[in-house]
Amino acid sequence: MRRRLLTLSRVAFLELTKRRMSATSMAEFLTKSPYSPPSWASHLRPLPSHTFSLAHRPTPIHRWNLPNLPNGTELWIKRDDFTGMELSGNKVRKLEFLMADAVEQQADTVITIGGIQSNHCRATTVASNYLNLDTHLILRTSKLLADGDPGLVGNLLVERLVGANVHLISKEEYSSIGSEALTSALKEKLEKEGKKPYVIPVGGSNSLGTWGYIEAAREIEEQLKCRTDGLKFDDIVVACGSGGTIAGISLGSWLGALKAKVHAFSVCDDPDYFYDFVQGLLDGLQAGVNSRDIVSIHNAKGKGYAMNTSEELKFLKDIASATSVILDPVYSGKAAYGLINEMTKDPKNWEGKKILFIHTGGLLGLYDKVDQMASLMGNWTRMDVQESVPRKDGVGKMF
């Protein structure tokens, strides 16, 4: 009898959790709502007051059968590349909090900054446009290209389609002046023109944006509670490009029920830089924890930010062919490549583990690599049709 009551209680709990997640996923798009943090994060300060519903959530988690994993290792993937189309990727979770703050401050313009193919800048432009805010993007490119039309490739196409104001800056100028000074200068200029700009830092990575992946940790918790197989992750793996995502997911895993060890693969700068930067985000939330205690950061930048070796690009092609999961070349691609290299070097460290890999999106970045990847795409041929084949109309006659 007691076992039956416990079983019924578990069924009721799972049903309640499913209904709660369904309500979250069905939240009205572009709705601003009061925010209630997870109970385990309620001591953090400052707490966000509101959030905007921008992402399609919860994003799915499924097995990811990469070849040549260590013995007994299970790899799973969380598809944050499914958070939307124009808004796809991890940046949308941060923007749910940042855009709510911009509207709360009665901004009419949003300023942000990043690389020429920045996923964050594309997502910010789309989110701003949905909310009737102008967008000004400072985009870093090479010295040779900073004075010309930036083109319509990848993220740039979406940004320019939806009306972003693009300001080009050379990598040298960016390095010597710094992102904060550049955004401040543009803010001052727009204010003199009567605008009310709101500045979002590189990648949306500030203490407020960190809440996006604190909330993602709660989402993963709830997804696991809905399962009947008792799945629990030993490790979480994610790319690191600006620091906000790893700060949020690491803190959420540490404080909440996940208790998974987080591995971040940095695609720019070095691990020491990111340990210090993440520490600043944690201190900004009065979290009272040391970044080195909650995340392990690995160097995966290779040739440099947004630069790929032929081996990395072949890896992307091989993974897509083997699993139908398409990784981007700048973030998740380098993180997955780094993870497999770590597993190859030290398989014992990963044997028997259940690992969750977070796909942070960035598909549009592949369009910037088409020339480099062309030689990998050999599977096409001219169809050979005999003249004697009789005509037969199909559905949807074209001519």
Protein backbone atom coordinates (compact mmCIF):
# COMPACT_ATOMS: atom_id res chain seq x y z
CA MET A 1 0.00 0.00 0.00
CA ARG A 2 2.79 2.37 0.92
CA ARG A 3 4.63 1.60 -2.33
CA ARG A 4 1.42 2.31 -4.27
CA LEU A 5 1.00 5.66 -2.52
CA LEU A 6 4.61 6.56 -3.28
CA THR A 7 4.10 5.60 -6.93
CA LEU A 8 0.93 7.69 -7.14
CA SER A 9 2.73 10.55 -5.45
CA ARG A 10 5.55 10.37 -8.02
CA VAL A 11 3.06 10.27 -10.89
CA ALA A 12 1.27 13.31 -9.49
CA PHE A 13 4.59 15.12 -9.10
CA LEU A 14 5.63 14.34 -12.69
CA GLU A 15 2.25 15.49 -13.98
CA LEU A 16 2.52 18.75 -12.02
CA THR A 17 6.05 19.33 -13.33
CA LYS A 18 4.97 18.64 -16.91
CA ARG A 19 2.08 21.09 -16.58
CA ARG A 20 4.41 23.72 -15.14
CA MET A 21 6.89 23.27 -18.00
CA SER A 22 4.06 23.36 -20.52
CA ALA A 23 2.88 26.65 -19.06
CA THR A 24 6.43 28.02 -19.33
CA SER A 25 6.81 26.92 -22.94
CA MET A 26 3.39 28.34 -23.84
CA ALA A 27 4.07 31.74 -22.27
CA GLU A 28 2.87 34.39 -24.66
CA PHE A 29 5.64 35.49 -26.98
CA LEU A 30 6.93 39.03 -26.36
CA THR A 31 5.16 39.25 -23.00
CA LYS A 32 6.83 41.14 -20.18
CA SER A 33 6.19 39.38 -16.86
CA PRO A 34 7.30 39.68 -13.22
CA TYR A 35 10.21 37.36 -12.51
CA SER A 36 10.38 34.84 -9.67
CA PRO A 37 13.81 33.22 -9.27
CA PRO A 38 14.40 29.58 -8.33
CA SER A 39 14.24 29.14 -4.56
CA TRP A 40 17.93 28.23 -4.48
CA ALA A 41 18.84 31.54 -6.19
CA SER A 42 16.52 33.83 -4.22
CA HIS A 43 19.40 35.06 -2.03
CA LEU A 44 21.25 36.56 -5.00
CA ARG A 45 21.20 40.33 -5.41
CA PRO A 46 20.04 42.26 -7.28
CA LEU A 47 17.07 40.13 -8.39
CA PRO A 48 15.60 40.94 -11.83
CA SER A 49 12.14 42.47 -11.56
CA HIS A 50 10.82 41.39 -14.97
CA THR A 51 11.59 39.23 -17.98
CA PHE A 52 10.45 39.21 -21.61
CA SER A 53 9.33 35.96 -23.21
CA LEU A 54 11.60 35.69 -26.28
CA ALA A 55 12.86 32.09 -26.40
CA HIS A 56 11.03 28.90 -27.31
CA ARG A 57 11.42 26.92 -24.10
CA PRO A 58 12.13 24.35 -22.85
CA THR A 59 14.67 23.39 -25.50
CA PRO A 60 14.93 19.61 -26.02
CA ILE A 61 17.52 17.29 -24.53
CA HIS A 62 18.37 14.08 -26.39
CA ARG A 63 21.10 11.46 -26.75
CA TRP A 64 23.96 12.46 -29.00
CA ASN A 65 25.74 9.39 -30.31
CA LEU A 66 29.11 10.79 -31.29
CA PRO A 67 31.50 8.10 -32.50
CA ASN A 68 34.50 6.89 -30.47
CA LEU A 69 33.35 7.97 -27.01
CA PRO A 70 35.15 6.42 -24.02
CA ASN A 71 33.75 3.15 -22.64
CA GLY A 72 30.38 3.59 -20.96
CA THR A 73 30.20 7.32 -21.64
CA GLU A 74 26.78 8.73 -22.45
CA LEU A 75 26.67 12.06 -24.28
CA TRP A 76 23.46 14.09 -24.33
CA ILE A 77 22.82 17.44 -25.99
CA LYS A 78 20.60 20.37 -25.02
CA ARG A 79 19.42 22.15 -28.15
CA ASP A 80 19.65 25.83 -27.32
CA ASP A 81 20.12 26.27 -31.06
CA PHE A 82 16.32 25.71 -31.06
CA THR A 83 15.44 28.80 -29.00
CA GLY A 84 14.04 30.42 -32.14
CA MET A 85 14.95 31.20 -35.75
CA GLU A 86 16.16 34.78 -36.07
CA LEU A 87 16.71 34.74 -32.27
CA SER A 88 18.33 31.31 -32.08
CA GLY A 89 21.07 30.41 -29.64
CA ASN A 90 22.12 31.07 -26.06
CA LYS A 91 22.04 34.87 -26.38
CA VAL A 92 18.23 34.93 -26.30
CA ARG A 93 18.09 33.69 -22.71
CA LYS A 94 20.20 36.66 -21.60
CA LEU A 95 18.16 39.08 -23.72
CA GLU A 96 14.96 38.06 -21.94
CA PHE A 97 16.30 39.89 -18.89
CA LEU A 98 18.27 42.63 -20.64
CA MET A 99 15.44 43.72 -22.93
CA ALA A 100 13.01 43.84 -19.99
CA ASP A 101 15.45 46.19 -18.25
CA ALA A 102 15.80 48.35 -21.38
CA VAL A 103 12.03 48.76 -21.60
CA GLU A 104 11.81 49.40 -17.85
CA GLN A 105 14.31 52.25 -18.30
CA GLN A 106 12.20 53.65 -21.18
CA ALA A 107 15.00 53.29 -23.72
CA ASP A 108 14.21 53.90 -27.38
CA THR A 109 17.53 52.59 -28.71
CA VAL A 110 19.80 49.64 -27.94
CA ILE A 111 23.58 49.70 -28.46
CA THR A 112 25.71 46.57 -28.46
CA ILE A 113 29.04 45.43 -29.82
CA GLY A 114 30.75 42.31 -31.17
CA GLY A 115 32.52 40.66 -34.07
CA ILE A 116 31.41 41.07 -37.66
CA GLN A 117 29.49 37.75 -37.46
CA SER A 118 28.30 38.17 -33.87
CA ASN A 119 25.33 35.94 -33.01
CA HIS A 120 24.63 38.18 -30.06
CA CYS A 121 24.40 41.31 -32.22
CA ARG A 122 22.00 39.54 -34.60
CA ALA A 123 19.77 38.32 -31.76
CA THR A 124 19.82 41.74 -30.08
CA THR A 125 18.80 43.44 -33.32
CA VAL A 126 15.84 41.12 -33.82
CA ALA A 127 14.70 41.35 -30.19
CA SER A 128 14.99 45.15 -30.24
CA ASN A 129 13.04 45.38 -33.46
CA TYR A 130 10.24 43.23 -32.00
CA LEU A 131 9.99 45.73 -29.15
CA ASN A 132 10.09 48.80 -31.44
CA LEU A 133 13.56 49.85 -30.33
CA ASP A 134 16.23 51.07 -32.74
CA THR A 135 19.50 49.14 -32.78
CA HIS A 136 23.04 50.42 -33.22
CA LEU A 137 25.72 47.75 -33.67
CA ILE A 138 29.46 48.30 -33.38
CA LEU A 139 30.99 45.46 -35.39
CA ARG A 140 34.67 44.54 -35.33
CA THR A 141 36.27 43.58 -38.64
CA SER A 142 39.65 43.64 -40.36
CA LYS A 143 41.40 46.93 -41.12
CA LEU A 144 41.03 46.26 -44.85
CA LEU A 145 37.24 45.84 -44.63
CA ALA A 146 36.38 48.50 -42.04
CA ASP A 147 35.88 51.25 -44.66
CA GLY A 148 33.63 49.34 -47.07
CA ASP A 149 30.22 47.74 -47.26
CA PRO A 150 30.28 44.77 -44.82
CA GLY A 151 28.16 42.60 -47.12
CA LEU A 152 25.13 40.39 -46.56
CA VAL A 153 26.62 37.13 -45.33
CA GLY A 154 25.27 35.15 -42.38
CA ASN A 155 24.32 37.23 -39.33
CA LEU A 156 24.91 40.47 -41.26
CA LEU A 157 22.10 39.61 -43.66
CA VAL A 158 19.56 39.27 -40.82
CA GLU A 159 20.81 42.38 -39.02
CA ARG A 160 20.58 44.55 -42.11
CA LEU A 161 17.25 43.07 -43.21
CA VAL A 162 15.63 44.14 -39.95
CA GLY A 163 17.18 47.60 -40.03
CA ALA A 164 20.20 47.67 -37.74
CA ASN A 165 22.46 50.72 -37.84
CA VAL A 166 25.90 49.20 -38.42
CA HIS A 167 29.09 50.97 -37.27
CA LEU A 168 32.29 49.26 -38.41
CA ILE A 169 35.49 49.37 -36.40
CA SER A 170 38.85 47.76 -37.13
CA LYS A 171 40.24 45.08 -34.83
CA GLU A 172 43.17 47.38 -34.08
CA GLU A 173 40.88 50.26 -33.01
CA TYR A 174 38.76 47.88 -30.98
CA SER A 175 41.81 46.55 -29.18
CA SER A 176 43.30 49.97 -28.41
CA ILE A 177 40.05 51.69 -27.34
CA GLY A 178 38.09 48.83 -25.79
CA SER A 179 34.44 47.83 -26.04
CA GLU A 180 33.24 49.89 -23.06
CA ALA A 181 34.77 53.12 -24.34
CA LEU A 182 33.40 52.50 -27.85
CA THR A 183 29.84 51.89 -26.66
CA SER A 184 30.05 54.87 -24.28
CA ALA A 185 31.16 57.15 -27.12
CA LEU A 186 28.27 56.03 -29.31
CA LYS A 187 25.83 56.39 -26.41
CA GLU A 188 26.98 59.98 -25.82
CA LYS A 189 26.58 60.78 -29.52
CA LEU A 190 23.04 59.37 -29.64
CA GLU A 191 22.05 61.15 -26.44
CA LYS A 192 23.07 64.45 -28.05
CA GLU A 193 20.67 63.57 -30.88
CA GLY A 194 17.84 63.21 -28.36
CA LYS A 195 17.88 59.41 -28.10
CA LYS A 196 17.61 57.33 -24.91
CA PRO A 197 20.08 54.48 -25.55
CA TYR A 198 20.52 51.33 -23.47
CA VAL A 199 23.93 49.65 -23.70
CA ILE A 200 24.29 45.87 -23.72
CA PRO A 201 27.88 44.61 -23.35
CA VAL A 202 29.66 42.03 -25.52
CA GLY A 203 27.62 38.82 -25.59
CA GLY A 204 25.06 40.25 -23.16
CA SER A 205 27.47 39.12 -20.47
CA ASN A 206 26.87 41.17 -17.36
CA SER A 207 25.40 40.18 -14.01
CA LEU A 208 21.83 40.77 -15.22
CA GLY A 209 22.38 38.70 -18.37
CA THR A 210 23.79 35.90 -16.20
CA TRP A 211 20.25 35.20 -15.02
CA GLY A 212 19.49 33.72 -18.45
CA TYR A 213 21.53 30.62 -17.67
CA ILE A 214 20.66 30.53 -13.99
CA GLU A 215 17.13 30.10 -15.32
CA ALA A 216 18.39 27.49 -17.84
CA ALA A 217 19.72 25.43 -14.92
CA ARG A 218 16.22 25.42 -13.43
CA GLU A 219 14.85 24.36 -16.83
CA ILE A 220 17.25 21.39 -17.01
CA GLU A 221 16.28 20.40 -13.46
CA GLU A 222 12.61 20.34 -14.42
CA GLN A 223 13.29 18.37 -17.60
CA LEU A 224 15.11 15.71 -15.59
CA LYS A 225 12.29 15.54 -13.04
CA CYS A 226 9.87 14.76 -15.87
CA ARG A 227 11.84 11.67 -16.87
CA THR A 228 11.10 8.22 -15.48
CA ASP A 229 14.61 6.81 -15.96
CA GLY A 230 16.29 8.81 -13.17
CA LEU A 231 18.79 10.45 -15.55
CA LYS A 232 21.34 12.64 -13.79
CA PHE A 233 24.28 14.38 -15.43
CA ASP A 234 27.80 14.14 -14.05
CA ASP A 235 29.19 16.88 -16.30
CA ILE A 236 27.92 19.82 -18.35
CA VAL A 237 29.97 21.06 -21.33
CA VAL A 238 29.49 24.42 -23.06
CA ALA A 239 31.42 26.91 -25.19
CA CYS A 240 32.64 30.16 -23.64
CA GLY A 241 32.94 33.32 -25.71
CA SER A 242 32.06 36.19 -23.38
CA GLY A 243 31.52 34.53 -19.99
CA GLY A 244 27.86 35.12 -19.13
CA THR A 245 26.58 31.71 -20.16
CA ILE A 246 29.17 29.78 -18.17
CA ALA A 247 28.70 32.04 -15.12
CA GLY A 248 24.96 31.36 -15.12
CA ILE A 249 24.97 27.62 -15.79
CA SER A 250 27.86 27.02 -13.36
CA LEU A 251 26.21 28.99 -10.57
CA GLY A 252 22.84 27.35 -11.27
CA SER A 253 24.33 23.86 -11.22
CA TRP A 254 26.24 24.64 -8.02
CA LEU A 255 23.32 26.16 -6.12
CA GLY A 256 20.51 24.00 -7.47
CA ALA A 257 19.86 20.27 -7.70
CA LEU A 258 22.00 19.53 -10.78
CA LYS A 259 25.38 19.44 -9.00
CA ALA A 260 27.07 18.63 -12.32
CA LYS A 261 30.68 19.64 -12.93
CA VAL A 262 30.71 22.37 -15.60
CA HIS A 263 33.43 22.39 -18.28
CA ALA A 264 33.74 25.54 -20.37
CA PHE A 265 35.76 25.58 -23.60
CA SER A 266 36.97 29.11 -24.25
CA VAL A 267 37.03 30.17 -27.92
CA CYS A 268 38.87 33.45 -27.28
CA ASP A 269 41.17 34.77 -24.57
CA ASP A 270 42.63 32.33 -22.07
CA PRO A 271 41.17 30.48 -19.06
CA ASP A 272 42.70 32.86 -16.49
CA TYR A 273 40.96 35.81 -18.14
CA PHE A 274 37.60 34.04 -17.98
CA TYR A 275 38.04 32.86 -14.39
CA ASP A 276 38.55 36.52 -13.41
CA PHE A 277 35.70 37.79 -15.60
CA VAL A 278 33.25 35.18 -14.32
CA GLN A 279 34.31 36.05 -10.78
CA GLY A 280 33.27 39.64 -11.46
CA LEU A 281 29.83 38.49 -12.62
CA LEU A 282 29.43 36.28 -9.55
CA ASP A 283 30.49 39.11 -7.25
CA GLY A 284 27.99 41.37 -9.02
CA LEU A 285 25.27 38.92 -7.91
CA GLN A 286 26.70 38.67 -4.36
CA ALA A 287 26.95 34.92 -4.95
CA GLY A 288 29.75 34.36 -2.44
CA VAL A 289 31.45 31.63 -4.47
CA ASN A 290 34.78 31.31 -6.25
CA SER A 291 34.64 30.85 -10.01
CA ARG A 292 37.39 28.22 -9.90
CA ASP A 293 35.25 26.10 -7.56
CA ILE A 294 32.25 25.93 -9.87
CA VAL A 295 33.67 25.72 -13.42
CA SER A 296 36.68 24.19 -15.16
CA ILE A 297 37.77 26.27 -18.16
CA HIS A 298 39.68 24.69 -21.06
CA ASN A 299 41.45 26.54 -23.86
CA ALA A 300 39.81 25.81 -27.23
CA LYS A 301 40.53 28.96 -29.23
CA GLY A 302 42.95 27.24 -31.61
CA LYS A 303 44.09 29.70 -34.29
CA GLY A 304 42.02 32.47 -32.69
CA TYR A 305 38.48 33.76 -32.33
CA ALA A 306 36.32 32.84 -35.36
CA MET A 307 39.36 31.28 -37.07
CA ASN A 308 39.33 27.59 -37.92
CA THR A 309 41.80 24.92 -38.91
CA SER A 310 40.92 22.48 -41.68
CA GLU A 311 40.74 19.74 -39.01
CA GLU A 312 38.09 21.67 -37.03
CA LEU A 313 35.95 22.22 -40.13
CA LYS A 314 36.27 18.57 -41.14
CA PHE A 315 35.14 17.67 -37.62
CA LEU A 316 31.98 19.77 -38.10
CA LYS A 317 31.27 18.00 -41.38
CA ASP A 318 31.88 14.55 -39.90
CA ILE A 319 29.63 15.23 -36.90
CA ALA A 320 26.84 16.55 -39.12
CA SER A 321 27.10 13.48 -41.38
CA ALA A 322 27.15 11.08 -38.43
CA THR A 323 24.47 12.64 -36.20
CA SER A 324 22.61 15.38 -38.15
CA VAL A 325 23.60 17.89 -35.46
CA ILE A 326 25.05 20.95 -37.17
CA LEU A 327 27.58 22.80 -35.03
CA ASP A 328 28.71 26.35 -35.65
CA PRO A 329 32.41 26.99 -36.37
CA VAL A 330 32.96 29.70 -33.74
CA TYR A 331 31.46 28.38 -30.49
CA SER A 332 29.86 24.93 -30.14
CA GLY A 333 32.02 23.48 -32.90
CA LYS A 334 35.22 24.40 -31.09
CA ALA A 335 33.78 23.26 -27.75
CA ALA A 336 32.82 19.83 -29.13
CA TYR A 337 36.19 19.52 -30.89
CA GLY A 338 37.93 20.39 -27.62
CA LEU A 339 35.81 17.92 -25.67
CA ILE A 340 36.62 15.04 -28.02
CA ASN A 341 40.33 15.93 -27.86
CA GLU A 342 40.17 15.87 -24.04
CA MET A 343 38.42 12.48 -24.14
CA THR A 344 41.05 11.12 -26.53
CA LYS A 345 43.93 12.31 -24.33
CA ASP A 346 42.43 11.09 -21.06
CA PRO A 347 39.57 8.63 -21.69
CA LYS A 348 39.65 7.28 -18.12
CA ASN A 349 38.55 10.69 -16.82
CA TRP A 350 35.32 10.45 -18.84
CA GLU A 351 34.51 6.75 -18.77
CA GLY A 352 31.06 5.91 -17.46
CA LYS A 353 30.04 9.58 -17.23
CA LYS A 354 26.70 11.04 -18.31
CA ILE A 355 27.54 14.34 -20.00
CA LEU A 356 25.25 17.14 -21.17
CA PHE A 357 26.58 19.29 -24.02
CA ILE A 358 24.79 22.63 -24.46
CA HIS A 359 24.52 23.63 -28.14
CA THR A 360 24.58 27.44 -28.04
CA GLY A 361 23.52 27.99 -31.66
CA GLY A 362 25.28 30.09 -34.29
CA LEU A 363 24.29 28.27 -37.47
CA LEU A 364 24.49 31.48 -39.53
CA GLY A 365 28.22 31.65 -38.79
CA LEU A 366 28.74 28.71 -41.14
CA TYR A 367 27.95 30.92 -44.13
CA ASP A 368 31.16 32.84 -43.46
CA LYS A 369 33.12 29.58 -43.89
CA VAL A 370 31.69 28.30 -47.18
CA ASP A 371 34.90 28.84 -49.15
CA GLN A 372 36.95 26.92 -46.56
CA MET A 373 34.42 24.09 -46.39
CA ALA A 374 33.76 23.69 -50.12
CA SER A 375 36.39 20.98 -50.57
CA LEU A 376 34.69 18.85 -47.88
CA MET A 377 31.39 18.73 -49.78
CA GLY A 378 32.02 16.24 -52.56
CA ASN A 379 28.70 14.37 -52.63
CA TRP A 380 27.00 15.64 -55.76
CA THR A 381 26.66 14.44 -59.34
CA ARG A 382 24.79 15.32 -62.51
CA MET A 383 21.70 13.12 -62.80
CA ASP A 384 21.90 10.92 -65.87
CA VAL A 385 18.44 10.64 -67.46
CA GLN A 386 17.76 8.59 -70.60
CA GLU A 387 15.85 10.40 -73.35
CA SER A 388 13.49 7.42 -73.57
CA VAL A 389 12.08 8.02 -70.07
CA PRO A 390 8.39 8.98 -70.60
CA ARG A 391 7.04 12.15 -69.03
CA LYS A 392 4.84 11.75 -65.98
CA ASP A 393 3.41 14.69 -64.07
CA GLY A 394 3.80 14.75 -60.30
CA VAL A 395 2.26 16.82 -57.58
CA GLY A 396 2.94 20.53 -57.96
CA LYS A 397 3.55 20.80 -61.69
CA MET A 398 6.14 23.56 -62.19
CA PHE A 399 5.93 24.09 -65.97
